[in-house]
């Protein structure tokens, strides 16, 4: 029984990401410097070197967005949130998901079945950790968001498993 439990914990840590990032209950996700690239209205691509991102994003956001990290499961306040609004990329402000497409998948990360628009997300094949997955990135700044799986609810049958650290939320 102990071996099965350990195995399940190991799988849950890697099911939706590549590398865990340390995250305390009190996470500093605010930028370390003013982020002039953040805009909820601009549709222009944001092409910025990682050295600049490292200066303007908090260490937690940078680890997910630029180093393709993964927050620990069940640590994001967004995972169980029922608030109504829109989820944006925390790095650039790109609208990603509406709250009415969010569902409780039980995977430990916020899950959605459909992005706001097709151009909101970029899909990248990911064969790391001996798995065949599809990474999802922000369509505006190419920040790592998480992965998409084909085990979601109707109408799409998709489950976008997204790191809460990279999400910004607005009730508008």
Protein backbone atom coordinates (compact mmCIF):
# COMPACT_ATOMS: atom_id res chain seq x y z
CA UNK A 1 0.00 0.00 0.00
CA UNK A 2 2.86 2.38 0.88
CA UNK A 3 4.50 1.76 -2.51
CA UNK A 4 1.26 2.50 -4.32
CA UNK A 5 0.80 5.74 -2.38
CA UNK A 6 4.38 6.85 -3.16
CA UNK A 7 3.88 5.98 -6.82
CA UNK A 8 0.63 8.02 -6.96
CA UNK A 9 2.36 11.00 -5.37
CA UNK A 10 5.22 10.77 -7.85
CA UNK A 11 2.82 10.63 -10.79
CA UNK A 12 0.82 13.61 -9.50
CA UNK A 13 4.01 15.67 -9.27
CA UNK A 14 4.94 14.96 -12.90
CA UNK A 15 1.54 14.49 -14.54
CA UNK A 16 1.17 18.10 -15.54
CA UNK A 17 4.68 19.47 -15.52
CA UNK A 18 8.36 18.96 -15.83
CA UNK A 19 10.02 20.30 -12.72
CA UNK A 20 8.59 21.33 -9.41
CA UNK A 21 9.20 24.78 -8.07
CA UNK A 22 9.28 25.60 -4.40
CA UNK A 23 6.23 27.52 -3.34
CA UNK A 24 5.27 28.59 0.13
CA UNK A 25 1.78 29.41 1.29
CA UNK A 26 2.70 33.06 1.01
CA UNK A 27 3.92 33.35 -2.59
CA UNK A 28 5.39 36.54 -3.95
CA UNK A 29 3.95 36.57 -7.46
CA UNK A 30 4.14 40.31 -7.98
CA UNK A 31 6.72 41.56 -10.46
CA UNK A 32 10.08 42.54 -9.01
CA UNK A 33 10.18 45.59 -11.31
CA UNK A 34 7.44 47.36 -13.26
CA UNK A 35 6.36 45.17 -16.16
CA UNK A 36 5.86 47.52 -19.12
CA UNK A 37 5.08 44.50 -21.35
CA UNK A 38 1.87 43.69 -19.45
CA UNK A 39 -1.24 44.81 -21.35
CA UNK A 40 -4.72 43.28 -21.41
CA UNK A 41 -5.64 45.20 -24.57
CA UNK A 42 -2.60 44.90 -26.88
CA UNK A 43 -2.59 41.91 -29.23
CA UNK A 44 1.03 42.47 -30.31
CA UNK A 45 3.52 39.67 -29.71
CA UNK A 46 5.84 40.27 -26.78
CA UNK A 47 9.40 39.25 -27.70
CA UNK A 48 11.68 39.86 -24.75
CA UNK A 49 14.93 38.08 -23.80
CA UNK A 50 14.82 35.87 -20.72
CA UNK A 51 17.32 38.20 -19.04
CA UNK A 52 14.67 40.96 -19.12
CA UNK A 53 11.90 38.63 -17.95
CA UNK A 54 14.09 37.62 -15.03
CA UNK A 55 14.29 41.26 -13.92
CA UNK A 56 10.56 42.01 -14.13
CA UNK A 57 8.88 38.76 -13.06
CA UNK A 58 8.91 37.35 -9.55
CA UNK A 59 11.12 34.25 -9.12
CA UNK A 60 8.02 32.00 -8.92
CA UNK A 61 6.47 33.36 -12.12
CA UNK A 62 9.83 33.31 -13.93
CA UNK A 63 10.43 29.65 -12.97
CA UNK A 64 7.10 28.62 -14.51
CA UNK A 65 6.95 31.00 -17.48
CA UNK A 66 10.50 30.89 -18.73
CA UNK A 67 12.02 27.72 -17.21
CA UNK A 68 8.93 25.53 -17.77
CA UNK A 69 8.59 24.70 -14.11
CA UNK A 70 5.51 23.38 -12.36
CA UNK A 71 3.97 24.50 -9.10
CA UNK A 72 3.17 21.84 -6.52
CA UNK A 73 -0.30 20.37 -7.04
CA UNK A 74 -3.18 21.67 -4.88
CA UNK A 75 -1.28 24.86 -3.93
CA UNK A 76 -2.95 27.37 -6.27
CA UNK A 77 -5.88 29.40 -4.96
CA UNK A 78 -7.25 29.31 -8.52
CA UNK A 79 -7.58 25.52 -8.47
CA UNK A 80 -10.77 25.61 -6.39
CA UNK A 81 -11.87 29.19 -7.12
CA UNK A 82 -15.45 29.67 -8.30
CA UNK A 83 -15.05 33.39 -9.04
CA UNK A 84 -16.50 34.66 -12.32
CA UNK A 85 -14.17 36.51 -14.66
CA UNK A 86 -11.23 36.11 -17.01
CA UNK A 87 -7.82 34.52 -16.47
CA UNK A 88 -4.86 36.32 -18.07
CA UNK A 89 -1.17 35.52 -18.57
CA UNK A 90 0.61 37.00 -15.57
CA UNK A 91 3.68 37.80 -17.70
CA UNK A 92 2.01 39.78 -20.52
CA UNK A 93 -1.72 40.20 -19.81
CA UNK A 94 -2.95 38.05 -22.70
CA UNK A 95 -6.53 36.80 -22.07
CA UNK A 96 -6.34 33.01 -21.77
CA UNK A 97 -9.49 31.47 -20.25
CA UNK A 98 -12.97 32.51 -19.11
CA UNK A 99 -14.14 31.21 -15.74
CA UNK A 100 -17.17 29.53 -17.34
CA UNK A 101 -14.77 27.08 -19.07
CA UNK A 102 -13.09 26.16 -15.76
CA UNK A 103 -13.90 22.81 -14.18
CA UNK A 104 -12.76 20.66 -11.26
CA UNK A 105 -10.59 17.95 -12.81
CA UNK A 106 -9.09 16.80 -9.50
CA UNK A 107 -5.58 16.97 -10.98
CA UNK A 108 -4.35 19.63 -8.53
CA UNK A 109 -4.06 22.52 -10.98
CA UNK A 110 -6.63 24.92 -12.42
CA UNK A 111 -8.28 23.20 -15.39
CA UNK A 112 -10.18 24.61 -18.33
CA UNK A 113 -11.77 22.99 -21.37
CA UNK A 114 -11.36 25.87 -23.85
CA UNK A 115 -9.21 28.99 -24.28
CA UNK A 116 -10.69 32.47 -24.88
CA UNK A 117 -9.54 32.36 -28.52
CA UNK A 118 -7.48 30.07 -30.75
CA UNK A 119 -4.63 32.59 -30.87
CA UNK A 120 -4.50 32.77 -27.05
CA UNK A 121 -2.56 29.50 -26.89
CA UNK A 122 0.41 27.95 -28.73
CA UNK A 123 0.66 24.15 -28.80
CA UNK A 124 4.11 22.51 -28.59
CA UNK A 125 4.86 18.76 -28.62
CA UNK A 126 6.49 17.73 -25.31
CA UNK A 127 8.18 14.34 -25.04
CA UNK A 128 10.08 14.98 -21.80
CA UNK A 129 9.99 12.68 -18.77
CA UNK A 130 9.20 9.70 -21.02
CA UNK A 131 5.70 11.03 -21.74
CA UNK A 132 3.99 12.25 -24.90
CA UNK A 133 2.18 15.45 -24.02
CA UNK A 134 1.30 18.80 -25.54
CA UNK A 135 2.70 21.86 -23.82
CA UNK A 136 0.61 25.03 -23.94
CA UNK A 137 2.24 28.44 -24.09
CA UNK A 138 0.85 31.96 -24.07
CA UNK A 139 0.10 33.01 -27.64
CA UNK A 140 1.43 36.51 -27.00
CA UNK A 141 4.67 36.03 -24.99
CA UNK A 142 5.31 32.27 -25.26
CA UNK A 143 5.28 31.81 -21.47
CA UNK A 144 4.90 28.18 -20.38
CA UNK A 145 1.39 27.71 -18.99
CA UNK A 146 1.05 23.95 -18.55
CA UNK A 147 -0.22 21.10 -20.73
CA UNK A 148 -3.39 20.08 -22.55
CA UNK A 149 -4.80 16.56 -22.37
CA UNK A 150 -7.63 14.81 -24.23
CA UNK A 151 -9.53 13.72 -21.12
CA UNK A 152 -11.65 16.80 -20.47
CA UNK A 153 -15.40 17.34 -20.44
CA UNK A 154 -17.69 18.19 -23.35
CA UNK A 155 -17.94 20.13 -25.52
CA UNK A 156 -14.21 19.99 -26.37
CA UNK A 157 -13.03 16.87 -24.53
CA UNK A 158 -9.88 18.82 -23.60
CA UNK A 159 -8.32 19.54 -20.21
CA UNK A 160 -5.97 22.51 -20.12
CA UNK A 161 -3.98 21.85 -16.94
CA UNK A 162 -2.53 25.27 -16.08
CA UNK A 163 -0.10 26.46 -13.42
CA UNK A 164 -1.93 28.94 -11.19
CA UNK A 165 1.28 30.93 -10.65
CA UNK A 166 1.24 32.11 -14.27
CA UNK A 167 -2.41 33.20 -14.11
CA UNK A 168 -3.74 36.66 -13.33
CA UNK A 169 -7.48 37.01 -12.71
CA UNK A 170 -9.99 39.81 -13.14
CA UNK A 171 -13.68 39.71 -12.29
CA UNK A 172 -14.56 41.99 -15.23
